[in-house]
Amino acid sequence: MDISGTAAELEIDEEEYRSLLRLFTRTAANELVQIELAIRSADCVEVAHIAHSLKGASASLGLTEFFAIAESLDAAARTRVLSGADASIALLKREIDQISESIIVGGS
């Protein structure tokens, strides 16, 4: 992940962007726990609501891969199809890990 480049594209200071990414990863991790609970109870409305929120937050931060996965999960939940949701959650968790790693190693 190119933190410096993305911060420049978003026209914000790199340290501010890192701070926003730290907040995003914490919040997203908590929201994924809530999505997992909603999936277990087959609550498509809640899955779609949280996925939509994650989609918007990731879009505003230029996290295109996270956005695409969240968008797919949102669409699936809106059509009441949760069969691939666990795989999407695993991919979103991996994205969070990669974002966190980028913050730590300086965005290389």
PDB file of N, CA and C in Angstrom:
ATOM      1  N   MET A   1       0.848  -1.178   0.000  1.00  0.00           N
ATOM      2  CA  MET A   1       0.000   0.000   0.000  1.00  0.00           C
ATOM      3  C   MET A   1       0.891   1.239   0.000  1.00  0.00           C
ATOM      4  N   ASP A   2       0.580   2.152  -0.872  1.00  0.00           N
ATOM      5  CA  ASP A   2       1.345   3.387  -0.991  1.00  0.00           C
ATOM      6  C   ASP A   2       0.667   4.492  -0.178  1.00  0.00           C
ATOM      7  N   ILE A   3       1.022   4.558   1.089  1.00  0.00           N
ATOM      8  CA  ILE A   3       0.397   5.535   1.983  1.00  0.00           C
ATOM      9  C   ILE A   3       0.684   6.961   1.530  1.00  0.00           C
ATOM     10  N   SER A   4       1.921   7.225   1.193  1.00  0.00           N
ATOM     11  CA  SER A   4       2.303   8.570   0.779  1.00  0.00           C
ATOM     12  C   SER A   4       1.554   8.992  -0.485  1.00  0.00           C
ATOM     13  N   GLY A   5       1.507   8.104  -1.464  1.00  0.00           N
ATOM     14  CA  GLY A   5       0.825   8.409  -2.724  1.00  0.00           C
ATOM     15  C   GLY A   5      -0.668   8.588  -2.550  1.00  0.00           C
ATOM     16  N   THR A   6      -1.280   7.728  -1.750  1.00  0.00           N
ATOM     17  CA  THR A   6      -2.722   7.832  -1.537  1.00  0.00           C
ATOM     18  C   THR A   6      -3.064   9.102  -0.766  1.00  0.00           C
ATOM     19  N   ALA A   7      -2.240   9.424   0.231  1.00  0.00           N
ATOM     20  CA  ALA A   7      -2.461  10.668   0.977  1.00  0.00           C
ATOM     21  C   ALA A   7      -2.386  11.861   0.030  1.00  0.00           C
ATOM     22  N   ALA A   8      -1.431  11.851  -0.874  1.00  0.00           N
ATOM     23  CA  ALA A   8      -1.300  12.940  -1.838  1.00  0.00           C
ATOM     24  C   ALA A   8      -2.521  13.007  -2.758  1.00  0.00           C
ATOM     25  N   GLU A   9      -2.987  11.842  -3.228  1.00  0.00           N
ATOM     26  CA  GLU A   9      -4.183  11.804  -4.081  1.00  0.00           C
ATOM     27  C   GLU A   9      -5.406  12.354  -3.358  1.00  0.00           C
ATOM     28  N   LEU A  10      -5.510  12.060  -2.060  1.00  0.00           N
ATOM     29  CA  LEU A  10      -6.639  12.532  -1.258  1.00  0.00           C
ATOM     30  C   LEU A  10      -6.446  13.963  -0.767  1.00  0.00           C
ATOM     31  N   GLU A  11      -5.252  14.509  -1.044  1.00  0.00           N
ATOM     32  CA  GLU A  11      -4.900  15.867  -0.655  1.00  0.00           C
ATOM     33  C   GLU A  11      -4.967  16.088   0.847  1.00  0.00           C
ATOM     34  N   ILE A  12      -4.403  15.114   1.597  1.00  0.00           N
ATOM     35  CA  ILE A  12      -4.270  15.267   3.047  1.00  0.00           C
ATOM     36  C   ILE A  12      -2.850  14.945   3.448  1.00  0.00           C
ATOM     37  N   ASP A  13      -2.464  15.426   4.601  1.00  0.00           N
ATOM     38  CA  ASP A  13      -1.142  15.193   5.153  1.00  0.00           C
ATOM     39  C   ASP A  13      -0.941  13.699   5.408  1.00  0.00           C
ATOM     40  N   GLU A  14       0.253  13.203   5.145  1.00  0.00           N
ATOM     41  CA  GLU A  14       0.531  11.775   5.310  1.00  0.00           C
ATOM     42  C   GLU A  14       0.302  11.300   6.742  1.00  0.00           C
ATOM     43  N   GLU A  15       0.704  12.069   7.731  1.00  0.00           N
ATOM     44  CA  GLU A  15       0.488  11.651   9.124  1.00  0.00           C
ATOM     45  C   GLU A  15      -0.998  11.637   9.472  1.00  0.00           C
ATOM     46  N   GLU A  16      -1.735  12.592   8.954  1.00  0.00           N
ATOM     47  CA  GLU A  16      -3.181  12.606   9.179  1.00  0.00           C
ATOM     48  C   GLU A  16      -3.809  11.362   8.542  1.00  0.00           C
ATOM     49  N   TYR A  17      -3.329  11.017   7.346  1.00  0.00           N
ATOM     50  CA  TYR A  17      -3.840   9.825   6.664  1.00  0.00           C
ATOM     51  C   TYR A  17      -3.532   8.564   7.474  1.00  0.00           C
ATOM     52  N   ARG A  18      -2.318   8.477   7.995  1.00  0.00           N
ATOM     53  CA  ARG A  18      -1.957   7.330   8.844  1.00  0.00           C
ATOM     54  C   ARG A  18      -2.884   7.245  10.060  1.00  0.00           C
ATOM     55  N   SER A  19      -3.175   8.385  10.651  1.00  0.00           N
ATOM     56  CA  SER A  19      -4.074   8.430  11.804  1.00  0.00           C
ATOM     57  C   SER A  19      -5.471   7.946  11.416  1.00  0.00           C
ATOM     58  N   LEU A  20      -5.949   8.385  10.271  1.00  0.00           N
ATOM     59  CA  LEU A  20      -7.257   7.938   9.788  1.00  0.00           C
ATOM     60  C   LEU A  20      -7.255   6.432   9.501  1.00  0.00           C
ATOM     61  N   LEU A  21      -6.158   5.928   8.966  1.00  0.00           N
ATOM     62  CA  LEU A  21      -6.055   4.490   8.704  1.00  0.00           C
ATOM     63  C   LEU A  21      -6.059   3.690  10.004  1.00  0.00           C
ATOM     64  N   ARG A  22      -5.372   4.190  11.020  1.00  0.00           N
ATOM     65  CA  ARG A  22      -5.381   3.504  12.323  1.00  0.00           C
ATOM     66  C   ARG A  22      -6.806   3.446  12.879  1.00  0.00           C
ATOM     67  N   LEU A  23      -7.515   4.557  12.807  1.00  0.00           N
ATOM     68  CA  LEU A  23      -8.900   4.591  13.264  1.00  0.00           C
ATOM     69  C   LEU A  23      -9.760   3.640  12.433  1.00  0.00           C
ATOM     70  N   PHE A  24      -9.561   3.651  11.135  1.00  0.00           N
ATOM     71  CA  PHE A  24     -10.325   2.776  10.243  1.00  0.00           C
ATOM     72  C   PHE A  24     -10.093   1.308  10.595  1.00  0.00           C
ATOM     73  N   THR A  25      -8.848   0.909  10.797  1.00  0.00           N
ATOM     74  CA  THR A  25      -8.578  -0.507  11.062  1.00  0.00           C
ATOM     75  C   THR A  25      -9.205  -0.950  12.380  1.00  0.00           C
ATOM     76  N   ARG A  26      -9.155  -0.101  13.394  1.00  0.00           N
ATOM     77  CA  ARG A  26      -9.788  -0.448  14.668  1.00  0.00           C
ATOM     78  C   ARG A  26     -11.306  -0.569  14.514  1.00  0.00           C
ATOM     79  N   THR A  27     -11.891   0.415  13.873  1.00  0.00           N
ATOM     80  CA  THR A  27     -13.338   0.429  13.686  1.00  0.00           C
ATOM     81  C   THR A  27     -13.788  -0.730  12.804  1.00  0.00           C
ATOM     82  N   ALA A  28     -13.090  -0.946  11.719  1.00  0.00           N
ATOM     83  CA  ALA A  28     -13.460  -2.013  10.786  1.00  0.00           C
ATOM     84  C   ALA A  28     -13.358  -3.382  11.452  1.00  0.00           C
ATOM     85  N   ALA A  29     -12.327  -3.584  12.250  1.00  0.00           N
ATOM     86  CA  ALA A  29     -12.184  -4.866  12.949  1.00  0.00           C
ATOM     87  C   ALA A  29     -13.382  -5.111  13.864  1.00  0.00           C
ATOM     88  N   ASN A  30     -13.808  -4.078  14.572  1.00  0.00           N
ATOM     89  CA  ASN A  30     -14.989  -4.206  15.445  1.00  0.00           C
ATOM     90  C   ASN A  30     -16.253  -4.470  14.632  1.00  0.00           C
ATOM     91  N   GLU A  31     -16.383  -3.797  13.505  1.00  0.00           N
ATOM     92  CA  GLU A  31     -17.567  -3.982  12.674  1.00  0.00           C
ATOM     93  C   GLU A  31     -17.603  -5.369  12.036  1.00  0.00           C
ATOM     94  N   LEU A  32     -16.434  -5.928  11.753  1.00  0.00           N
ATOM     95  CA  LEU A  32     -16.407  -7.284  11.202  1.00  0.00           C
ATOM     96  C   LEU A  32     -16.898  -8.307  12.224  1.00  0.00           C
ATOM     97  N   VAL A  33     -16.613  -8.070  13.495  1.00  0.00           N
ATOM     98  CA  VAL A  33     -17.145  -8.943  14.548  1.00  0.00           C
ATOM     99  C   VAL A  33     -18.671  -8.878  14.522  1.00  0.00           C
ATOM    100  N   GLN A  34     -19.212  -7.674  14.361  1.00  0.00           N
ATOM    101  CA  GLN A  34     -20.662  -7.509  14.312  1.00  0.00           C
ATOM    102  C   GLN A  34     -21.260  -8.170  13.067  1.00  0.00           C
ATOM    103  N   ILE A  35     -20.558  -8.082  11.951  1.00  0.00           N
ATOM    104  CA  ILE A  35     -21.038  -8.748  10.732  1.00  0.00           C
ATOM    105  C   ILE A  35     -21.058 -10.261  10.927  1.00  0.00           C
ATOM    106  N   GLU A  36     -20.013 -10.786  11.551  1.00  0.00           N
ATOM    107  CA  GLU A  36     -19.967 -12.234  11.784  1.00  0.00           C
ATOM    108  C   GLU A  36     -21.153 -12.688  12.630  1.00  0.00           C
ATOM    109  N   LEU A  37     -21.497 -11.918  13.641  1.00  0.00           N
ATOM    110  CA  LEU A  37     -22.665 -12.246  14.468  1.00  0.00           C
ATOM    111  C   LEU A  37     -23.949 -12.181  13.634  1.00  0.00           C
ATOM    112  N   ALA A  38     -24.049 -11.175  12.789  1.00  0.00           N
ATOM    113  CA  ALA A  38     -25.235 -11.035  11.938  1.00  0.00           C
ATOM    114  C   ALA A  38     -25.323 -12.184  10.929  1.00  0.00           C
ATOM    115  N   ILE A  39     -24.183 -12.622  10.425  1.00  0.00           N
ATOM    116  CA  ILE A  39     -24.177 -13.754   9.487  1.00  0.00           C
ATOM    117  C   ILE A  39     -24.672 -15.015  10.193  1.00  0.00           C
ATOM    118  N   ARG A  40     -24.173 -15.240  11.409  1.00  0.00           N
ATOM    119  CA  ARG A  40     -24.592 -16.427  12.165  1.00  0.00           C
ATOM    120  C   ARG A  40     -26.094 -16.446  12.413  1.00  0.00           C
ATOM    121  N   SER A  41     -26.695 -15.272  12.574  1.00  0.00           N
ATOM    122  CA  SER A  41     -28.136 -15.212  12.813  1.00  0.00           C
ATOM    123  C   SER A  41     -28.923 -14.952  11.519  1.00  0.00           C
ATOM    124  N   ALA A  42     -28.221 -15.017  10.376  1.00  0.00           N
ATOM    125  CA  ALA A  42     -28.834 -14.818   9.051  1.00  0.00           C
ATOM    126  C   ALA A  42     -29.564 -13.475   8.950  1.00  0.00           C
ATOM    127  N   ASP A  43     -29.005 -12.458   9.571  1.00  0.00           N
ATOM    128  CA  ASP A  43     -29.588 -11.117   9.545  1.00  0.00           C
ATOM    129  C   ASP A  43     -29.007 -10.334   8.365  1.00  0.00           C
ATOM    130  N   CYS A  44     -29.597 -10.542   7.207  1.00  0.00           N
ATOM    131  CA  CYS A  44     -29.106  -9.914   5.985  1.00  0.00           C
ATOM    132  C   CYS A  44     -29.160  -8.391   6.038  1.00  0.00           C
ATOM    133  N   VAL A  45     -30.178  -7.859   6.698  1.00  0.00           N
ATOM    134  CA  VAL A  45     -30.313  -6.405   6.803  1.00  0.00           C
ATOM    135  C   VAL A  45     -29.124  -5.815   7.563  1.00  0.00           C
ATOM    136  N   GLU A  46     -28.750  -6.444   8.670  1.00  0.00           N
ATOM    137  CA  GLU A  46     -27.616  -5.944   9.464  1.00  0.00           C
ATOM    138  C   GLU A  46     -26.298  -6.124   8.715  1.00  0.00           C
ATOM    139  N   VAL A  47     -26.129  -7.252   8.056  1.00  0.00           N
ATOM    140  CA  VAL A  47     -24.910  -7.472   7.260  1.00  0.00           C
ATOM    141  C   VAL A  47     -24.798  -6.385   6.200  1.00  0.00           C
ATOM    142  N   ALA A  48     -25.874  -6.122   5.489  1.00  0.00           N
ATOM    143  CA  ALA A  48     -25.855  -5.095   4.443  1.00  0.00           C
ATOM    144  C   ALA A  48     -25.573  -3.717   5.031  1.00  0.00           C
ATOM    145  N   HIS A  49     -26.177  -3.418   6.173  1.00  0.00           N
ATOM    146  CA  HIS A  49     -25.978  -2.110   6.812  1.00  0.00           C
ATOM    147  C   HIS A  49     -24.499  -1.890   7.170  1.00  0.00           C
ATOM    148  N   ILE A  50     -23.888  -2.872   7.803  1.00  0.00           N
ATOM    149  CA  ILE A  50     -22.492  -2.733   8.222  1.00  0.00           C
ATOM    150  C   ILE A  50     -21.567  -2.741   7.010  1.00  0.00           C
ATOM    151  N   ALA A  51     -21.835  -3.635   6.056  1.00  0.00           N
ATOM    152  CA  ALA A  51     -20.996  -3.692   4.852  1.00  0.00           C
ATOM    153  C   ALA A  51     -21.062  -2.375   4.093  1.00  0.00           C
ATOM    154  N   HIS A  52     -22.241  -1.785   4.035  1.00  0.00           N
ATOM    155  CA  HIS A  52     -22.404  -0.493   3.361  1.00  0.00           C
ATOM    156  C   HIS A  52     -21.586   0.594   4.064  1.00  0.00           C
ATOM    157  N   SER A  53     -21.604   0.576   5.374  1.00  0.00           N
ATOM    158  CA  SER A  53     -20.816   1.533   6.155  1.00  0.00           C
ATOM    159  C   SER A  53     -19.317   1.360   5.886  1.00  0.00           C
ATOM    160  N   LEU A  54     -18.866   0.111   5.884  1.00  0.00           N
ATOM    161  CA  LEU A  54     -17.452  -0.169   5.605  1.00  0.00           C
ATOM    162  C   LEU A  54     -17.079   0.241   4.183  1.00  0.00           C
ATOM    163  N   LYS A  55     -17.995   0.026   3.279  1.00  0.00           N
ATOM    164  CA  LYS A  55     -17.786   0.396   1.876  1.00  0.00           C
ATOM    165  C   LYS A  55     -17.548   1.900   1.766  1.00  0.00           C
ATOM    166  N   GLY A  56     -18.397   2.672   2.412  1.00  0.00           N
ATOM    167  CA  GLY A  56     -18.260   4.126   2.357  1.00  0.00           C
ATOM    168  C   GLY A  56     -16.977   4.625   2.993  1.00  0.00           C
ATOM    169  N   ALA A  57     -16.660   4.077   4.160  1.00  0.00           N
ATOM    170  CA  ALA A  57     -15.440   4.507   4.852  1.00  0.00           C
ATOM    171  C   ALA A  57     -14.196   4.166   4.036  1.00  0.00           C
ATOM    172  N   SER A  58     -14.174   2.970   3.476  1.00  0.00           N
ATOM    173  CA  SER A  58     -12.996   2.561   2.693  1.00  0.00           C
ATOM    174  C   SER A  58     -12.872   3.382   1.419  1.00  0.00           C
ATOM    175  N   ALA A  59     -13.996   3.718   0.807  1.00  0.00           N
ATOM    176  CA  ALA A  59     -13.955   4.548  -0.403  1.00  0.00           C
ATOM    177  C   ALA A  59     -13.368   5.917  -0.101  1.00  0.00           C
ATOM    178  N   SER A  60     -13.772   6.498   1.020  1.00  0.00           N
ATOM    179  CA  SER A  60     -13.291   7.838   1.360  1.00  0.00           C
ATOM    180  C   SER A  60     -11.803   7.853   1.686  1.00  0.00           C
ATOM    181  N   LEU A  61     -11.251   6.676   1.999  1.00  0.00           N
ATOM    182  CA  LEU A  61      -9.820   6.580   2.311  1.00  0.00           C
ATOM    183  C   LEU A  61      -9.002   6.024   1.147  1.00  0.00           C
ATOM    184  N   GLY A  62      -9.648   5.794   0.021  1.00  0.00           N
ATOM    185  CA  GLY A  62      -8.920   5.304  -1.145  1.00  0.00           C
ATOM    186  C   GLY A  62      -8.499   3.847  -1.045  1.00  0.00           C
ATOM    187  N   LEU A  63      -9.204   3.070  -0.224  1.00  0.00           N
ATOM    188  CA  LEU A  63      -8.867   1.657  -0.025  1.00  0.00           C
ATOM    189  C   LEU A  63      -9.673   0.821  -1.022  1.00  0.00           C
ATOM    190  N   THR A  64      -9.227   0.794  -2.259  1.00  0.00           N
ATOM    191  CA  THR A  64     -10.013   0.234  -3.350  1.00  0.00           C
ATOM    192  C   THR A  64     -10.276  -1.263  -3.212  1.00  0.00           C
ATOM    193  N   GLU A  65      -9.311  -2.024  -2.759  1.00  0.00           N
ATOM    194  CA  GLU A  65      -9.518  -3.466  -2.618  1.00  0.00           C
ATOM    195  C   GLU A  65     -10.516  -3.759  -1.499  1.00  0.00           C
ATOM    196  N   PHE A  66     -10.362  -3.082  -0.365  1.00  0.00           N
ATOM    197  CA  PHE A  66     -11.296  -3.253   0.741  1.00  0.00           C
ATOM    198  C   PHE A  66     -12.703  -2.854   0.272  1.00  0.00           C
ATOM    199  N   PHE A  67     -12.782  -1.727  -0.434  1.00  0.00           N
ATOM    200  CA  PHE A  67     -14.061  -1.246  -0.947  1.00  0.00           C
ATOM    201  C   PHE A  67     -14.743  -2.301  -1.814  1.00  0.00           C
ATOM    202  N   ALA A  68     -13.997  -2.906  -2.738  1.00  0.00           N
ATOM    203  CA  ALA A  68     -14.580  -3.883  -3.666  1.00  0.00           C
ATOM    204  C   ALA A  68     -15.146  -5.095  -2.919  1.00  0.00           C
ATOM    205  N   ILE A  69     -14.435  -5.549  -1.898  1.00  0.00           N
ATOM    206  CA  ILE A  69     -14.902  -6.696  -1.114  1.00  0.00           C
ATOM    207  C   ILE A  69     -16.146  -6.318  -0.316  1.00  0.00           C
ATOM    208  N   ALA A  70     -16.105  -5.156   0.323  1.00  0.00           N
ATOM    209  CA  ALA A  70     -17.257  -4.693   1.104  1.00  0.00           C
ATOM    210  C   ALA A  70     -18.465  -4.469   0.198  1.00  0.00           C
ATOM    211  N   GLU A  71     -18.238  -3.955  -0.992  1.00  0.00           N
ATOM    212  CA  GLU A  71     -19.323  -3.733  -1.947  1.00  0.00           C
ATOM    213  C   GLU A  71     -19.964  -5.062  -2.347  1.00  0.00           C
ATOM    214  N   SER A  72     -19.140  -6.059  -2.576  1.00  0.00           N
ATOM    215  CA  SER A  72     -19.646  -7.386  -2.932  1.00  0.00           C
ATOM    216  C   SER A  72     -20.475  -7.983  -1.793  1.00  0.00           C
ATOM    217  N   LEU A  73     -19.985  -7.843  -0.572  1.00  0.00           N
ATOM    218  CA  LEU A  73     -20.703  -8.351   0.595  1.00  0.00           C
ATOM    219  C   LEU A  73     -22.025  -7.604   0.780  1.00  0.00           C
ATOM    220  N   ASP A  74     -22.005  -6.310   0.599  1.00  0.00           N
ATOM    221  CA  ASP A  74     -23.214  -5.496   0.698  1.00  0.00           C
ATOM    222  C   ASP A  74     -24.251  -5.965  -0.330  1.00  0.00           C
ATOM    223  N   ALA A  75     -23.823  -6.136  -1.569  1.00  0.00           N
ATOM    224  CA  ALA A  75     -24.736  -6.571  -2.633  1.00  0.00           C
ATOM    225  C   ALA A  75     -25.308  -7.957  -2.345  1.00  0.00           C
ATOM    226  N   ALA A  76     -24.466  -8.860  -1.876  1.00  0.00           N
ATOM    227  CA  ALA A  76     -24.927 -10.215  -1.565  1.00  0.00           C
ATOM    228  C   ALA A  76     -25.973 -10.186  -0.452  1.00  0.00           C
ATOM    229  N   ALA A  77     -25.709  -9.413   0.579  1.00  0.00           N
ATOM    230  CA  ALA A  77     -26.651  -9.336   1.701  1.00  0.00           C
ATOM    231  C   ALA A  77     -27.973  -8.716   1.264  1.00  0.00           C
ATOM    232  N   ARG A  78     -27.909  -7.735   0.388  1.00  0.00           N
ATOM    233  CA  ARG A  78     -29.144  -7.091  -0.096  1.00  0.00           C
ATOM    234  C   ARG A  78     -29.991  -8.043  -0.936  1.00  0.00           C
ATOM    235  N   THR A  79     -29.349  -9.050  -1.533  1.00  0.00           N
ATOM    236  CA  THR A  79     -30.103 -10.063  -2.279  1.00  0.00           C
ATOM    237  C   THR A  79     -30.360 -11.296  -1.416  1.00  0.00           C
ATOM    238  N   ARG A  80     -30.035 -11.156  -0.130  1.00  0.00           N
ATOM    239  CA  ARG A  80     -30.293 -12.204   0.872  1.00  0.00           C
ATOM    240  C   ARG A  80     -29.516 -13.489   0.595  1.00  0.00           C
ATOM    241  N   VAL A  81     -28.282 -13.323   0.075  1.00  0.00           N
ATOM    242  CA  VAL A  81     -27.418 -14.464  -0.198  1.00  0.00           C
ATOM    243  C   VAL A  81     -26.155 -14.305   0.643  1.00  0.00           C
ATOM    244  N   LEU A  82     -26.051 -15.089   1.698  1.00  0.00           N
ATOM    245  CA  LEU A  82     -24.899 -14.990   2.598  1.00  0.00           C
ATOM    246  C   LEU A  82     -23.960 -16.185   2.477  1.00  0.00           C
ATOM    247  N   SER A  83     -24.157 -17.012   1.453  1.00  0.00           N
ATOM    248  CA  SER A  83     -23.363 -18.242   1.336  1.00  0.00           C
ATOM    249  C   SER A  83     -21.864 -17.985   1.204  1.00  0.00           C
ATOM    250  N   GLY A  84     -21.437 -16.898   0.599  1.00  0.00           N
ATOM    251  CA  GLY A  84     -20.010 -16.604   0.470  1.00  0.00           C
ATOM    252  C   GLY A  84     -19.516 -15.549   1.435  1.00  0.00           C
ATOM    253  N   ALA A  85     -20.346 -15.210   2.403  1.00  0.00           N
ATOM    254  CA  ALA A  85     -20.010 -14.112   3.312  1.00  0.00           C
ATOM    255  C   ALA A  85     -18.775 -14.397   4.161  1.00  0.00           C
ATOM    256  N   ASP A  86     -18.619 -15.645   4.604  1.00  0.00           N
ATOM    257  CA  ASP A  86     -17.453 -15.969   5.430  1.00  0.00           C
ATOM    258  C   ASP A  86     -16.149 -15.735   4.668  1.00  0.00           C
ATOM    259  N   ALA A  87     -16.137 -16.070   3.397  1.00  0.00           N
ATOM    260  CA  ALA A  87     -14.939 -15.837   2.583  1.00  0.00           C
ATOM    261  C   ALA A  87     -14.664 -14.342   2.445  1.00  0.00           C
ATOM    262  N   SER A  88     -15.725 -13.566   2.279  1.00  0.00           N
ATOM    263  CA  SER A  88     -15.558 -12.106   2.191  1.00  0.00           C
ATOM    264  C   SER A  88     -15.010 -11.539   3.485  1.00  0.00           C
ATOM    265  N   ILE A  89     -15.497 -12.039   4.612  1.00  0.00           N
ATOM    266  CA  ILE A  89     -15.002 -11.578   5.909  1.00  0.00           C
ATOM    267  C   ILE A  89     -13.511 -11.889   6.046  1.00  0.00           C
ATOM    268  N   ALA A  90     -13.122 -13.083   5.635  1.00  0.00           N
ATOM    269  CA  ALA A  90     -11.698 -13.459   5.701  1.00  0.00           C
ATOM    270  C   ALA A  90     -10.848 -12.522   4.844  1.00  0.00           C
ATOM    271  N   LEU A  91     -11.336 -12.181   3.666  1.00  0.00           N
ATOM    272  CA  LEU A  91     -10.608 -11.250   2.797  1.00  0.00           C
ATOM    273  C   LEU A  91     -10.528  -9.859   3.412  1.00  0.00           C
ATOM    274  N   LEU A  92     -11.612  -9.403   4.023  1.00  0.00           N
ATOM    275  CA  LEU A  92     -11.598  -8.088   4.669  1.00  0.00           C
ATOM    276  C   LEU A  92     -10.630  -8.064   5.845  1.00  0.00           C
ATOM    277  N   LYS A  93     -10.576  -9.152   6.604  1.00  0.00           N
ATOM    278  CA  LYS A  93      -9.615  -9.230   7.719  1.00  0.00           C
ATOM    279  C   LYS A  93      -8.187  -9.178   7.196  1.00  0.00           C
ATOM    280  N   ARG A  94      -7.948  -9.861   6.085  1.00  0.00           N
ATOM    281  CA  ARG A  94      -6.600  -9.829   5.495  1.00  0.00           C
ATOM    282  C   ARG A  94      -6.250  -8.421   5.036  1.00  0.00           C
ATOM    283  N   GLU A  95      -7.229  -7.714   4.456  1.00  0.00           N
ATOM    284  CA  GLU A  95      -6.999  -6.332   4.048  1.00  0.00           C
ATOM    285  C   GLU A  95      -6.656  -5.450   5.251  1.00  0.00           C
ATOM    286  N   ILE A  96      -7.377  -5.640   6.357  1.00  0.00           N
ATOM    287  CA  ILE A  96      -7.088  -4.871   7.572  1.00  0.00           C
ATOM    288  C   ILE A  96      -5.659  -5.144   8.036  1.00  0.00           C
ATOM    289  N   ASP A  97      -5.263  -6.402   8.007  1.00  0.00           N
ATOM    290  CA  ASP A  97      -3.889  -6.755   8.401  1.00  0.00           C
ATOM    291  C   ASP A  97      -2.870  -6.080   7.494  1.00  0.00           C
ATOM    292  N   GLN A  98      -3.140  -6.065   6.194  1.00  0.00           N
ATOM    293  CA  GLN A  98      -2.207  -5.437   5.254  1.00  0.00           C
ATOM    294  C   GLN A  98      -2.133  -3.928   5.452  1.00  0.00           C
ATOM    295  N   ILE A  99      -3.265  -3.310   5.722  1.00  0.00           N
ATOM    296  CA  ILE A  99      -3.274  -1.867   5.988  1.00  0.00           C
ATOM    297  C   ILE A  99      -2.478  -1.578   7.253  1.00  0.00           C
ATOM    298  N   SER A 100      -2.709  -2.358   8.297  1.00  0.00           N
ATOM    299  CA  SER A 100      -1.986  -2.171   9.556  1.00  0.00           C
ATOM    300  C   SER A 100      -0.494  -2.345   9.351  1.00  0.00           C
ATOM    301  N   GLU A 101      -0.114  -3.338   8.576  1.00  0.00           N
ATOM    302  CA  GLU A 101       1.311  -3.565   8.290  1.00  0.00           C
ATOM    303  C   GLU A 101       1.910  -2.391   7.539  1.00  0.00           C
ATOM    304  N   SER A 102       1.180  -1.836   6.601  1.00  0.00           N
ATOM    305  CA  SER A 102       1.665  -0.684   5.848  1.00  0.00           C
ATOM    306  C   SER A 102       1.894   0.515   6.760  1.00  0.00           C
ATOM    307  N   ILE A 103       1.030   0.700   7.725  1.00  0.00           N
ATOM    308  CA  ILE A 103       1.192   1.797   8.667  1.00  0.00           C
ATOM    309  C   ILE A 103       2.478   1.616   9.457  1.00  0.00           C
ATOM    310  N   ILE A 104       2.731   0.380   9.891  1.00  0.00           N
ATOM    311  CA  ILE A 104       3.889   0.080  10.729  1.00  0.00           C
ATOM    312  C   ILE A 104       5.188   0.222   9.956  1.00  0.00           C
ATOM    313  N   VAL A 105       5.243  -0.301   8.722  1.00  0.00           N
ATOM    314  CA  VAL A 105       6.493  -0.307   7.971  1.00  0.00           C
ATOM    315  C   VAL A 105       6.715   0.968   7.169  1.00  0.00           C
ATOM    316  N   GLY A 106       5.851   1.919   7.320  1.00  0.00           N
ATOM    317  CA  GLY A 106       6.083   3.197   6.677  1.00  0.00           C
ATOM    318  C   GLY A 106       5.437   3.335   5.321  1.00  0.00           C
ATOM    319  N   GLY A 107       4.506   2.440   5.003  1.00  0.00           N
ATOM    320  CA  GLY A 107       3.755   2.599   3.768  1.00  0.00           C
ATOM    321  C   GLY A 107       4.472   2.121   2.527  1.00  0.00           C
ATOM    322  N   SER A 108       5.498   1.339   2.669  1.00  0.00           N
ATOM    323  CA  SER A 108       6.225   0.845   1.498  1.00  0.00           C
ATOM    324  C   SER A 108       5.409  -0.147   0.723  1.00  0.00           C
TER     325      SER A 108
END
